[in-house]
PDB file of N, CA and C in Angstrom:
ATOM      1  N   UNK A   1     -20.290  24.367 -62.661  1.00  0.00           N
ATOM      2  CA  UNK A   1     -20.788  25.558 -63.338  1.00  0.00           C
ATOM      3  C   UNK A   1     -22.319  25.544 -63.290  1.00  0.00           C
ATOM      4  N   UNK A   2     -22.923  26.693 -63.153  1.00  0.00           N
ATOM      5  CA  UNK A   2     -24.382  26.745 -63.000  1.00  0.00           C
ATOM      6  C   UNK A   2     -25.143  26.740 -64.322  1.00  0.00           C
ATOM      7  N   UNK A   3     -24.754  25.888 -65.217  1.00  0.00           N
ATOM      8  CA  UNK A   3     -25.470  25.722 -66.472  1.00  0.00           C
ATOM      9  C   UNK A   3     -25.422  24.270 -66.853  1.00  0.00           C
ATOM     10  N   UNK A   4     -26.279  23.791 -67.710  1.00  0.00           N
ATOM     11  CA  UNK A   4     -27.088  24.515 -68.693  1.00  0.00           C
ATOM     12  C   UNK A   4     -28.266  25.249 -68.047  1.00  0.00           C
ATOM     13  N   UNK A   5     -28.697  26.290 -68.753  1.00  0.00           N
ATOM     14  CA  UNK A   5     -29.843  27.084 -68.335  1.00  0.00           C
ATOM     15  C   UNK A   5     -31.105  26.537 -68.983  1.00  0.00           C
ATOM     16  N   UNK A   6     -32.236  26.706 -68.298  1.00  0.00           N
ATOM     17  CA  UNK A   6     -33.535  26.281 -68.833  1.00  0.00           C
ATOM     18  C   UNK A   6     -34.416  27.526 -69.001  1.00  0.00           C
ATOM     19  N   UNK A   7     -35.384  27.450 -69.861  1.00  0.00           N
ATOM     20  CA  UNK A   7     -36.307  28.573 -70.075  1.00  0.00           C
ATOM     21  C   UNK A   7     -36.978  28.986 -68.770  1.00  0.00           C
ATOM     22  N   UNK A   8     -37.263  28.013 -67.917  1.00  0.00           N
ATOM     23  CA  UNK A   8     -37.942  28.318 -66.648  1.00  0.00           C
ATOM     24  C   UNK A   8     -37.037  29.052 -65.665  1.00  0.00           C
ATOM     25  N   UNK A   9     -35.724  29.126 -65.929  1.00  0.00           N
ATOM     26  CA  UNK A   9     -34.796  29.864 -65.067  1.00  0.00           C
ATOM     27  C   UNK A   9     -34.931  31.374 -65.231  1.00  0.00           C
ATOM     28  N   UNK A  10     -35.447  31.811 -66.363  1.00  0.00           N
ATOM     29  CA  UNK A  10     -35.492  33.237 -66.701  1.00  0.00           C
ATOM     30  C   UNK A  10     -36.751  33.896 -66.152  1.00  0.00           C
ATOM     31  N   UNK A  11     -36.540  35.036 -65.479  1.00  0.00           N
ATOM     32  CA  UNK A  11     -37.659  35.789 -64.912  1.00  0.00           C
ATOM     33  C   UNK A  11     -37.403  37.281 -65.095  1.00  0.00           C
ATOM     34  N   UNK A  12     -38.442  38.038 -65.265  1.00  0.00           N
ATOM     35  CA  UNK A  12     -38.310  39.492 -65.354  1.00  0.00           C
ATOM     36  C   UNK A  12     -37.776  40.059 -64.043  1.00  0.00           C
ATOM     37  N   UNK A  13     -38.167  39.460 -62.924  1.00  0.00           N
ATOM     38  CA  UNK A  13     -37.752  39.952 -61.610  1.00  0.00           C
ATOM     39  C   UNK A  13     -36.250  39.774 -61.366  1.00  0.00           C
ATOM     40  N   UNK A  14     -35.576  38.975 -62.178  1.00  0.00           N
ATOM     41  CA  UNK A  14     -34.135  38.770 -62.001  1.00  0.00           C
ATOM     42  C   UNK A  14     -33.314  39.927 -62.552  1.00  0.00           C
ATOM     43  N   UNK A  15     -33.945  40.807 -63.319  1.00  0.00           N
ATOM     44  CA  UNK A  15     -33.231  41.933 -63.910  1.00  0.00           C
ATOM     45  C   UNK A  15     -33.031  43.042 -62.889  1.00  0.00           C
ATOM     46  N   UNK A  16     -31.870  43.692 -62.940  1.00  0.00           N
ATOM     47  CA  UNK A  16     -31.619  44.816 -62.047  1.00  0.00           C
ATOM     48  C   UNK A  16     -32.536  45.980 -62.396  1.00  0.00           C
ATOM     49  N   UNK A  17     -32.796  46.146 -63.675  1.00  0.00           N
ATOM     50  CA  UNK A  17     -33.750  47.154 -64.156  1.00  0.00           C
ATOM     51  C   UNK A  17     -34.715  46.414 -65.069  1.00  0.00           C
ATOM     52  N   UNK A  18     -35.984  46.381 -64.695  1.00  0.00           N
ATOM     53  CA  UNK A  18     -36.942  45.649 -65.516  1.00  0.00           C
ATOM     54  C   UNK A  18     -37.257  46.421 -66.788  1.00  0.00           C
ATOM     55  N   UNK A  19     -37.264  45.677 -67.880  1.00  0.00           N
ATOM     56  CA  UNK A  19     -37.608  46.212 -69.189  1.00  0.00           C
ATOM     57  C   UNK A  19     -38.689  45.301 -69.744  1.00  0.00           C
ATOM     58  N   UNK A  20     -39.763  45.896 -70.198  1.00  0.00           N
ATOM     59  CA  UNK A  20     -40.889  45.122 -70.698  1.00  0.00           C
ATOM     60  C   UNK A  20     -40.442  44.090 -71.727  1.00  0.00           C
ATOM     61  N   UNK A  21     -40.834  42.844 -71.503  1.00  0.00           N
ATOM     62  CA  UNK A  21     -40.540  41.776 -72.444  1.00  0.00           C
ATOM     63  C   UNK A  21     -39.213  41.077 -72.218  1.00  0.00           C
ATOM     64  N   UNK A  22     -38.349  41.623 -71.362  1.00  0.00           N
ATOM     65  CA  UNK A  22     -37.057  40.992 -71.121  1.00  0.00           C
ATOM     66  C   UNK A  22     -37.117  40.093 -69.897  1.00  0.00           C
ATOM     67  N   UNK A  23     -36.248  39.090 -69.882  1.00  0.00           N
ATOM     68  CA  UNK A  23     -36.152  38.176 -68.749  1.00  0.00           C
ATOM     69  C   UNK A  23     -34.683  37.833 -68.547  1.00  0.00           C
ATOM     70  N   UNK A  24     -34.327  37.529 -67.315  1.00  0.00           N
ATOM     71  CA  UNK A  24     -32.927  37.228 -67.033  1.00  0.00           C
ATOM     72  C   UNK A  24     -32.764  36.163 -65.969  1.00  0.00           C
ATOM     73  N   UNK A  25     -31.529  35.769 -65.801  1.00  0.00           N
ATOM     74  CA  UNK A  25     -31.154  34.823 -64.749  1.00  0.00           C
ATOM     75  C   UNK A  25     -29.799  35.264 -64.213  1.00  0.00           C
ATOM     76  N   UNK A  26     -29.630  35.147 -62.903  1.00  0.00           N
ATOM     77  CA  UNK A  26     -28.369  35.498 -62.263  1.00  0.00           C
ATOM     78  C   UNK A  26     -27.975  34.348 -61.343  1.00  0.00           C
ATOM     79  N   UNK A  27     -26.751  33.868 -61.501  1.00  0.00           N
ATOM     80  CA  UNK A  27     -26.256  32.744 -60.700  1.00  0.00           C
ATOM     81  C   UNK A  27     -24.884  33.100 -60.139  1.00  0.00           C
ATOM     82  N   UNK A  28     -24.714  32.900 -58.869  1.00  0.00           N
ATOM     83  CA  UNK A  28     -23.422  33.084 -58.226  1.00  0.00           C
ATOM     84  C   UNK A  28     -22.790  31.710 -58.033  1.00  0.00           C
ATOM     85  N   UNK A  29     -21.491  31.617 -58.280  1.00  0.00           N
ATOM     86  CA  UNK A  29     -20.804  30.340 -58.127  1.00  0.00           C
ATOM     87  C   UNK A  29     -19.321  30.589 -57.890  1.00  0.00           C
ATOM     88  N   UNK A  30     -18.619  29.558 -57.454  1.00  0.00           N
ATOM     89  CA  UNK A  30     -17.166  29.636 -57.316  1.00  0.00           C
ATOM     90  C   UNK A  30     -16.537  28.590 -58.219  1.00  0.00           C
ATOM     91  N   UNK A  31     -15.390  28.935 -58.745  1.00  0.00           N
ATOM     92  CA  UNK A  31     -14.619  28.008 -59.584  1.00  0.00           C
ATOM     93  C   UNK A  31     -13.153  28.354 -59.390  1.00  0.00           C
ATOM     94  N   UNK A  32     -12.354  27.352 -59.224  1.00  0.00           N
ATOM     95  CA  UNK A  32     -10.934  27.605 -59.003  1.00  0.00           C
ATOM     96  C   UNK A  32     -10.694  28.439 -57.755  1.00  0.00           C
ATOM     97  N   UNK A  33     -11.613  28.340 -56.793  1.00  0.00           N
ATOM     98  CA  UNK A  33     -11.468  29.087 -55.548  1.00  0.00           C
ATOM     99  C   UNK A  33     -11.814  30.562 -55.658  1.00  0.00           C
ATOM    100  N   UNK A  34     -12.410  30.972 -56.788  1.00  0.00           N
ATOM    101  CA  UNK A  34     -12.752  32.394 -56.967  1.00  0.00           C
ATOM    102  C   UNK A  34     -14.242  32.548 -57.217  1.00  0.00           C
ATOM    103  N   UNK A  35     -14.819  33.660 -56.757  1.00  0.00           N
ATOM    104  CA  UNK A  35     -16.250  33.884 -56.959  1.00  0.00           C
ATOM    105  C   UNK A  35     -16.546  34.459 -58.345  1.00  0.00           C
ATOM    106  N   UNK A  36     -17.681  34.064 -58.892  1.00  0.00           N
ATOM    107  CA  UNK A  36     -18.134  34.553 -60.189  1.00  0.00           C
ATOM    108  C   UNK A  36     -19.637  34.786 -60.134  1.00  0.00           C
ATOM    109  N   UNK A  37     -20.113  35.590 -61.065  1.00  0.00           N
ATOM    110  CA  UNK A  37     -21.547  35.786 -61.239  1.00  0.00           C
ATOM    111  C   UNK A  37     -21.863  35.624 -62.725  1.00  0.00           C
ATOM    112  N   UNK A  38     -22.792  34.744 -63.027  1.00  0.00           N
ATOM    113  CA  UNK A  38     -23.288  34.572 -64.389  1.00  0.00           C
ATOM    114  C   UNK A  38     -24.592  35.352 -64.482  1.00  0.00           C
ATOM    115  N   UNK A  39     -24.677  36.290 -65.416  1.00  0.00           N
ATOM    116  CA  UNK A  39     -25.869  37.122 -65.584  1.00  0.00           C
ATOM    117  C   UNK A  39     -26.226  37.097 -67.060  1.00  0.00           C
ATOM    118  N   UNK A  40     -27.366  36.514 -67.388  1.00  0.00           N
ATOM    119  CA  UNK A  40     -27.799  36.381 -68.783  1.00  0.00           C
ATOM    120  C   UNK A  40     -29.157  37.041 -68.929  1.00  0.00           C
ATOM    121  N   UNK A  41     -29.290  37.891 -69.943  1.00  0.00           N
ATOM    122  CA  UNK A  41     -30.551  38.575 -70.222  1.00  0.00           C
ATOM    123  C   UNK A  41     -31.002  38.206 -71.624  1.00  0.00           C
ATOM    124  N   UNK A  42     -32.263  37.826 -71.738  1.00  0.00           N
ATOM    125  CA  UNK A  42     -32.871  37.553 -73.040  1.00  0.00           C
ATOM    126  C   UNK A  42     -33.662  38.779 -73.460  1.00  0.00           C
ATOM    127  N   UNK A  43     -33.554  39.136 -74.730  1.00  0.00           N
ATOM    128  CA  UNK A  43     -34.256  40.305 -75.227  1.00  0.00           C
ATOM    129  C   UNK A  43     -35.759  40.152 -75.184  1.00  0.00           C
ATOM    130  N   UNK A  44     -36.231  38.937 -75.156  1.00  0.00           N
ATOM    131  CA  UNK A  44     -37.661  38.678 -75.026  1.00  0.00           C
ATOM    132  C   UNK A  44     -37.832  37.235 -74.566  1.00  0.00           C
ATOM    133  N   UNK A  45     -38.991  36.934 -74.059  1.00  0.00           N
ATOM    134  CA  UNK A  45     -39.250  35.553 -73.639  1.00  0.00           C
ATOM    135  C   UNK A  45     -39.140  34.613 -74.846  1.00  0.00           C
ATOM    136  N   UNK A  46     -39.475  35.109 -76.027  1.00  0.00           N
ATOM    137  CA  UNK A  46     -39.382  34.296 -77.234  1.00  0.00           C
ATOM    138  C   UNK A  46     -37.933  33.915 -77.525  1.00  0.00           C
ATOM    139  N   UNK A  47     -36.985  34.708 -77.036  1.00  0.00           N
ATOM    140  CA  UNK A  47     -35.569  34.413 -77.262  1.00  0.00           C
ATOM    141  C   UNK A  47     -35.135  33.158 -76.517  1.00  0.00           C
ATOM    142  N   UNK A  48     -35.979  32.640 -75.651  1.00  0.00           N
ATOM    143  CA  UNK A  48     -35.656  31.397 -74.932  1.00  0.00           C
ATOM    144  C   UNK A  48     -35.418  30.253 -75.914  1.00  0.00           C
ATOM    145  N   UNK A  49     -35.898  30.397 -77.135  1.00  0.00           N
ATOM    146  CA  UNK A  49     -35.649  29.373 -78.147  1.00  0.00           C
ATOM    147  C   UNK A  49     -34.168  29.323 -78.503  1.00  0.00           C
ATOM    148  N   UNK A  50     -33.411  30.337 -78.120  1.00  0.00           N
ATOM    149  CA  UNK A  50     -31.977  30.403 -78.383  1.00  0.00           C
ATOM    150  C   UNK A  50     -31.152  29.762 -77.275  1.00  0.00           C
ATOM    151  N   UNK A  51     -31.804  29.130 -76.307  1.00  0.00           N
ATOM    152  CA  UNK A  51     -31.085  28.563 -75.175  1.00  0.00           C
ATOM    153  C   UNK A  51     -30.062  27.520 -75.572  1.00  0.00           C
ATOM    154  N   UNK A  52     -30.318  26.754 -76.617  1.00  0.00           N
ATOM    155  CA  UNK A  52     -29.326  25.771 -77.060  1.00  0.00           C
ATOM    156  C   UNK A  52     -28.021  26.473 -77.416  1.00  0.00           C
ATOM    157  N   UNK A  53     -28.109  27.577 -78.154  1.00  0.00           N
ATOM    158  CA  UNK A  53     -26.910  28.328 -78.547  1.00  0.00           C
ATOM    159  C   UNK A  53     -26.248  28.970 -77.328  1.00  0.00           C
ATOM    160  N   UNK A  54     -27.049  29.489 -76.406  1.00  0.00           N
ATOM    161  CA  UNK A  54     -26.493  30.099 -75.195  1.00  0.00           C
ATOM    162  C   UNK A  54     -25.760  29.043 -74.370  1.00  0.00           C
ATOM    163  N   UNK A  55     -26.387  27.890 -74.163  1.00  0.00           N
ATOM    164  CA  UNK A  55     -25.749  26.830 -73.390  1.00  0.00           C
ATOM    165  C   UNK A  55     -24.495  26.299 -74.078  1.00  0.00           C
ATOM    166  N   UNK A  56     -24.527  26.243 -75.400  1.00  0.00           N
ATOM    167  CA  UNK A  56     -23.342  25.819 -76.137  1.00  0.00           C
ATOM    168  C   UNK A  56     -22.195  26.802 -75.902  1.00  0.00           C
ATOM    169  N   UNK A  57     -22.496  28.096 -75.948  1.00  0.00           N
ATOM    170  CA  UNK A  57     -21.485  29.117 -75.686  1.00  0.00           C
ATOM    171  C   UNK A  57     -20.968  29.015 -74.251  1.00  0.00           C
ATOM    172  N   UNK A  58     -21.862  28.873 -73.293  1.00  0.00           N
ATOM    173  CA  UNK A  58     -21.441  28.740 -71.897  1.00  0.00           C
ATOM    174  C   UNK A  58     -20.546  27.521 -71.704  1.00  0.00           C
ATOM    175  N   UNK A  59     -20.800  26.468 -72.454  1.00  0.00           N
ATOM    176  CA  UNK A  59     -19.996  25.257 -72.355  1.00  0.00           C
ATOM    177  C   UNK A  59     -18.563  25.431 -72.817  1.00  0.00           C
ATOM    178  N   UNK A  60     -18.257  26.522 -73.508  1.00  0.00           N
ATOM    179  CA  UNK A  60     -16.887  26.770 -73.968  1.00  0.00           C
ATOM    180  C   UNK A  60     -16.058  27.527 -72.942  1.00  0.00           C
ATOM    181  N   UNK A  61     -16.681  27.989 -71.873  1.00  0.00           N
ATOM    182  CA  UNK A  61     -15.969  28.765 -70.858  1.00  0.00           C
ATOM    183  C   UNK A  61     -15.040  27.862 -70.069  1.00  0.00           C
ATOM    184  N   UNK A  62     -13.794  28.279 -69.971  1.00  0.00           N
ATOM    185  CA  UNK A  62     -12.806  27.561 -69.170  1.00  0.00           C
ATOM    186  C   UNK A  62     -12.250  28.527 -68.142  1.00  0.00           C
ATOM    187  N   UNK A  63     -12.164  28.082 -66.903  1.00  0.00           N
ATOM    188  CA  UNK A  63     -11.593  28.896 -65.843  1.00  0.00           C
ATOM    189  C   UNK A  63     -10.322  28.205 -65.386  1.00  0.00           C
ATOM    190  N   UNK A  64      -9.214  28.878 -65.543  1.00  0.00           N
ATOM    191  CA  UNK A  64      -7.913  28.322 -65.184  1.00  0.00           C
ATOM    192  C   UNK A  64      -7.611  28.673 -63.727  1.00  0.00           C
ATOM    193  N   UNK A  65      -7.599  27.688 -62.838  1.00  0.00           N
ATOM    194  CA  UNK A  65      -7.373  27.986 -61.431  1.00  0.00           C
ATOM    195  C   UNK A  65      -5.954  28.499 -61.158  1.00  0.00           C
ATOM    196  N   UNK A  66      -5.053  28.349 -62.121  1.00  0.00           N
ATOM    197  CA  UNK A  66      -3.688  28.844 -61.936  1.00  0.00           C
ATOM    198  C   UNK A  66      -3.562  30.323 -62.204  1.00  0.00           C
ATOM    199  N   UNK A  67      -4.551  30.911 -62.918  1.00  0.00           N
ATOM    200  CA  UNK A  67      -4.488  32.339 -63.220  1.00  0.00           C
ATOM    201  C   UNK A  67      -4.805  33.141 -61.974  1.00  0.00           C
ATOM    202  N   UNK A  68      -3.971  34.114 -61.636  1.00  0.00           N
ATOM    203  CA  UNK A  68      -4.267  34.926 -60.453  1.00  0.00           C
ATOM    204  C   UNK A  68      -5.483  35.806 -60.689  1.00  0.00           C
ATOM    205  N   UNK A  69      -6.232  36.064 -59.637  1.00  0.00           N
ATOM    206  CA  UNK A  69      -7.408  36.942 -59.738  1.00  0.00           C
ATOM    207  C   UNK A  69      -6.950  38.305 -60.242  1.00  0.00           C
ATOM    208  N   UNK A  70      -7.739  38.873 -61.149  1.00  0.00           N
ATOM    209  CA  UNK A  70      -7.431  40.195 -61.676  1.00  0.00           C
ATOM    210  C   UNK A  70      -6.420  40.192 -62.800  1.00  0.00           C
ATOM    211  N   UNK A  71      -5.926  39.028 -63.200  1.00  0.00           N
ATOM    212  CA  UNK A  71      -4.920  38.972 -64.278  1.00  0.00           C
ATOM    213  C   UNK A  71      -5.579  39.004 -65.629  1.00  0.00           C
TER     214      UNK A  71
END
């Protein structure tokens, strides 16, 4: 999995639509033989202080390789 995330991973240029003060990160990865995209946007650069909580949440994600795509 492409986490934990670091504050230095977030850039304004990563956003599909730039919004003043916002920063994001986009990571493509495969798990269980299926493609995924992780896209995280912070409301402000100061929100990077919330990375511990974001990484904790990301750590709870489980991908079951037995589940069919689209199920």
